Amino acid sequence: MNAQKTVCESDRFNIKHPGLCPSLRWKGQFILAEPDPTVQPSNDGLFWCTHTQNCIGPDGELAEPGNCSAASRGCHGTGKCG
């Protein structure tokens, strides 16, 4: 049986995770405007790793805040696995 951990969406896409990998990027980082509290956040879930330039990290796992906030992930901050 394949056991997968269940992560709620608010944790999965939380860009304020402590220990977030500095190599993780998302579209919102490049929008030069103050957040408007009257507009609901898009939470579009578009994340990528600077080492692979796509949504899959060097270790073959998804590049998103929920996965990229653990220093135990082999590629965390370095892009190197192993």
N, C-alpha and C. Protein backbone atom coordinates (compact mmCIF):
# COMPACT_ATOMS: atom_id res chain seq x y z
N MET A 1 0.84 -1.18 0.00
CA MET A 1 0.00 0.00 0.00
C MET A 1 0.88 1.25 0.00
N ASN A 2 0.57 2.19 -0.84
CA ASN A 2 1.34 3.42 -0.97
C ASN A 2 0.76 4.47 -0.01
N ALA A 3 1.50 4.79 1.03
CA ALA A 3 1.04 5.77 2.01
C ALA A 3 1.53 7.15 1.60
N GLN A 4 0.58 8.07 1.42
CA GLN A 4 0.93 9.44 1.09
C GLN A 4 0.46 10.33 2.22
N LYS A 5 1.27 11.31 2.56
CA LYS A 5 0.84 12.23 3.60
C LYS A 5 -0.14 13.23 2.99
N THR A 6 -1.17 13.56 3.75
CA THR A 6 -2.17 14.50 3.30
C THR A 6 -1.81 15.88 3.84
N VAL A 7 -1.72 16.84 2.95
CA VAL A 7 -1.38 18.21 3.33
C VAL A 7 -2.52 19.11 2.89
N CYS A 8 -3.03 19.93 3.80
CA CYS A 8 -4.11 20.82 3.41
C CYS A 8 -3.57 21.91 2.47
N GLU A 9 -4.44 22.42 1.64
CA GLU A 9 -4.03 23.38 0.62
C GLU A 9 -3.40 24.63 1.21
N SER A 10 -3.90 25.08 2.37
CA SER A 10 -3.33 26.28 2.97
C SER A 10 -1.87 26.08 3.38
N ASP A 11 -1.50 24.87 3.78
CA ASP A 11 -0.10 24.57 4.09
C ASP A 11 0.71 24.31 2.83
N ARG A 12 0.09 23.64 1.89
CA ARG A 12 0.78 23.27 0.65
C ARG A 12 1.27 24.50 -0.12
N PHE A 13 0.46 25.56 -0.15
CA PHE A 13 0.81 26.75 -0.93
C PHE A 13 1.20 27.95 -0.07
N ASN A 14 1.52 27.74 1.20
CA ASN A 14 1.88 28.82 2.11
C ASN A 14 3.31 29.29 1.83
N ILE A 15 3.44 30.46 1.24
CA ILE A 15 4.76 30.99 0.88
C ILE A 15 5.47 31.62 2.08
N LYS A 16 4.84 31.59 3.24
CA LYS A 16 5.47 32.11 4.46
C LYS A 16 5.96 30.98 5.36
N HIS A 17 6.12 29.79 4.80
CA HIS A 17 6.64 28.65 5.56
C HIS A 17 8.02 29.00 6.13
N PRO A 18 8.27 28.67 7.38
CA PRO A 18 9.63 28.86 7.89
C PRO A 18 10.57 27.89 7.18
N GLY A 19 11.74 28.32 6.86
CA GLY A 19 12.70 27.45 6.19
C GLY A 19 12.43 27.22 4.72
N LEU A 20 11.64 28.08 4.10
CA LEU A 20 11.33 27.93 2.68
C LEU A 20 12.62 27.99 1.86
N CYS A 21 12.77 27.08 0.94
CA CYS A 21 13.99 27.00 0.12
C CYS A 21 14.17 28.30 -0.68
N PRO A 22 15.34 28.88 -0.66
CA PRO A 22 15.58 30.11 -1.41
C PRO A 22 15.56 29.90 -2.92
N SER A 23 15.54 28.66 -3.36
CA SER A 23 15.51 28.38 -4.80
C SER A 23 14.10 28.28 -5.36
N LEU A 24 13.09 28.35 -4.49
CA LEU A 24 11.71 28.27 -4.95
C LEU A 24 11.26 29.63 -5.46
N ARG A 25 10.60 29.64 -6.59
CA ARG A 25 10.09 30.88 -7.18
C ARG A 25 8.60 30.72 -7.48
N TRP A 26 7.90 31.86 -7.53
CA TRP A 26 6.50 31.88 -7.92
C TRP A 26 6.21 33.23 -8.54
N LYS A 27 5.15 33.25 -9.33
CA LYS A 27 4.81 34.42 -10.12
C LYS A 27 4.65 35.68 -9.26
N GLY A 28 4.06 35.56 -8.09
CA GLY A 28 3.80 36.70 -7.23
C GLY A 28 5.05 37.45 -6.80
N GLN A 29 6.20 36.79 -6.83
CA GLN A 29 7.45 37.47 -6.46
C GLN A 29 7.82 38.58 -7.45
N PHE A 30 7.29 38.50 -8.64
CA PHE A 30 7.70 39.41 -9.70
C PHE A 30 6.64 40.48 -10.00
N ILE A 31 5.62 40.56 -9.16
CA ILE A 31 4.58 41.58 -9.32
C ILE A 31 4.93 42.73 -8.38
N LEU A 32 5.25 43.86 -8.96
CA LEU A 32 5.70 45.01 -8.18
C LEU A 32 4.52 45.91 -7.83
N ALA A 33 3.64 45.39 -6.98
CA ALA A 33 2.49 46.17 -6.52
C ALA A 33 2.18 45.76 -5.09
N GLU A 34 1.67 46.70 -4.34
CA GLU A 34 1.26 46.40 -2.97
C GLU A 34 0.02 45.50 -3.02
N PRO A 35 -0.07 44.52 -2.13
CA PRO A 35 -1.26 43.67 -2.10
C PRO A 35 -2.50 44.50 -1.77
N ASP A 36 -3.58 44.22 -2.46
CA ASP A 36 -4.85 44.90 -2.24
C ASP A 36 -5.73 44.01 -1.38
N PRO A 37 -6.00 44.38 -0.13
CA PRO A 37 -6.78 43.52 0.75
C PRO A 37 -8.22 43.29 0.28
N THR A 38 -8.71 44.12 -0.66
CA THR A 38 -10.07 43.94 -1.16
C THR A 38 -10.14 42.91 -2.28
N VAL A 39 -8.98 42.48 -2.76
CA VAL A 39 -8.94 41.50 -3.84
C VAL A 39 -8.48 40.16 -3.27
N GLN A 40 -9.27 39.14 -3.54
CA GLN A 40 -8.94 37.81 -3.05
C GLN A 40 -7.66 37.30 -3.72
N PRO A 41 -6.72 36.70 -2.95
CA PRO A 41 -5.49 36.20 -3.56
C PRO A 41 -5.79 35.08 -4.56
N SER A 42 -5.01 35.01 -5.61
CA SER A 42 -5.27 34.01 -6.65
C SER A 42 -4.82 32.61 -6.24
N ASN A 43 -3.75 32.53 -5.43
CA ASN A 43 -3.23 31.21 -5.02
C ASN A 43 -3.17 30.26 -6.21
N ASP A 44 -2.55 30.74 -7.29
CA ASP A 44 -2.56 29.99 -8.53
C ASP A 44 -1.71 28.72 -8.49
N GLY A 45 -0.84 28.59 -7.52
CA GLY A 45 -0.06 27.37 -7.39
C GLY A 45 1.01 27.19 -8.46
N LEU A 46 1.46 28.28 -9.05
CA LEU A 46 2.50 28.20 -10.07
C LEU A 46 3.85 28.44 -9.42
N PHE A 47 4.57 27.36 -9.14
CA PHE A 47 5.87 27.42 -8.49
C PHE A 47 6.90 26.71 -9.35
N TRP A 48 8.16 27.13 -9.25
CA TRP A 48 9.22 26.43 -9.95
C TRP A 48 10.51 26.54 -9.16
N CYS A 49 11.43 25.66 -9.49
CA CYS A 49 12.74 25.61 -8.85
C CYS A 49 13.76 26.28 -9.77
N THR A 50 14.60 27.11 -9.20
CA THR A 50 15.60 27.79 -10.04
C THR A 50 16.65 26.83 -10.58
N HIS A 51 16.82 25.69 -9.94
CA HIS A 51 17.82 24.73 -10.40
C HIS A 51 17.36 23.93 -11.61
N THR A 52 16.06 23.61 -11.66
CA THR A 52 15.54 22.82 -12.78
C THR A 52 14.75 23.66 -13.77
N GLN A 53 14.35 24.86 -13.36
CA GLN A 53 13.55 25.77 -14.17
C GLN A 53 12.18 25.18 -14.54
N ASN A 54 11.66 24.29 -13.69
CA ASN A 54 10.30 23.80 -13.88
C ASN A 54 9.69 23.42 -12.53
N CYS A 55 8.53 22.82 -12.56
CA CYS A 55 7.79 22.55 -11.32
C CYS A 55 8.26 21.30 -10.59
N ILE A 56 9.26 20.64 -11.11
CA ILE A 56 9.83 19.45 -10.47
C ILE A 56 11.24 19.80 -9.99
N GLY A 57 11.50 19.54 -8.72
CA GLY A 57 12.82 19.82 -8.16
C GLY A 57 13.86 18.83 -8.61
N PRO A 58 15.12 19.05 -8.27
CA PRO A 58 16.21 18.15 -8.66
C PRO A 58 16.04 16.72 -8.14
N ASP A 59 15.25 16.57 -7.08
CA ASP A 59 15.03 15.24 -6.51
C ASP A 59 13.81 14.53 -7.09
N GLY A 60 13.17 15.15 -8.09
CA GLY A 60 12.02 14.53 -8.73
C GLY A 60 10.69 14.78 -8.03
N GLU A 61 10.69 15.58 -6.97
CA GLU A 61 9.47 15.90 -6.24
C GLU A 61 8.96 17.28 -6.66
N LEU A 62 7.67 17.53 -6.41
CA LEU A 62 7.08 18.82 -6.76
C LEU A 62 7.78 19.97 -6.05
N ALA A 63 7.98 21.05 -6.77
CA ALA A 63 8.55 22.27 -6.20
C ALA A 63 7.38 23.17 -5.81
N GLU A 64 7.04 23.14 -4.54
CA GLU A 64 5.99 24.00 -4.00
C GLU A 64 6.27 24.19 -2.52
N PRO A 65 5.75 25.25 -1.91
CA PRO A 65 6.11 25.57 -0.53
C PRO A 65 5.96 24.42 0.46
N GLY A 66 4.91 23.63 0.35
CA GLY A 66 4.72 22.53 1.28
C GLY A 66 5.83 21.51 1.24
N ASN A 67 6.43 21.32 0.08
CA ASN A 67 7.54 20.38 -0.08
C ASN A 67 8.90 21.04 0.10
N CYS A 68 8.99 22.31 -0.22
CA CYS A 68 10.28 23.00 -0.25
C CYS A 68 10.57 23.80 1.02
N SER A 69 9.99 23.39 2.13
CA SER A 69 10.26 24.10 3.37
C SER A 69 10.93 23.20 4.39
N ALA A 70 11.37 22.05 3.95
CA ALA A 70 12.02 21.11 4.86
C ALA A 70 13.49 20.97 4.50
N ALA A 71 14.35 21.33 5.44
CA ALA A 71 15.79 21.21 5.20
C ALA A 71 16.18 19.75 5.02
N SER A 72 15.30 18.82 5.39
CA SER A 72 15.59 17.40 5.20
C SER A 72 15.49 16.98 3.74
N ARG A 73 14.92 17.81 2.90
CA ARG A 73 14.86 17.51 1.46
C ARG A 73 16.27 17.66 0.91
N GLY A 74 16.75 16.65 0.23
CA GLY A 74 18.14 16.59 -0.21
C GLY A 74 18.64 17.79 -1.00
N CYS A 75 17.78 18.37 -1.80
CA CYS A 75 18.21 19.47 -2.67
C CYS A 75 17.97 20.84 -2.04
N HIS A 76 17.45 20.90 -0.83
CA HIS A 76 17.06 22.17 -0.19
C HIS A 76 18.20 23.18 -0.18
N GLY A 77 18.01 24.26 -0.94
CA GLY A 77 18.97 25.36 -0.96
C GLY A 77 20.21 25.15 -1.80
N THR A 78 20.47 23.91 -2.22
CA THR A 78 21.70 23.64 -2.97
C THR A 78 21.44 23.17 -4.40
N GLY A 79 20.29 22.54 -4.62
CA GLY A 79 20.01 21.96 -5.92
C GLY A 79 20.68 20.64 -6.15
N LYS A 80 21.42 20.17 -5.15
CA LYS A 80 22.13 18.90 -5.26
C LYS A 80 21.41 17.82 -4.48
N CYS A 81 21.34 16.67 -5.04
CA CYS A 81 20.68 15.54 -4.38
C CYS A 81 21.74 14.53 -3.96
N GLY A 82 21.58 14.04 -2.76
CA GLY A 82 22.50 12.99 -2.32
C GLY A 82 23.61 13.41 -1.44
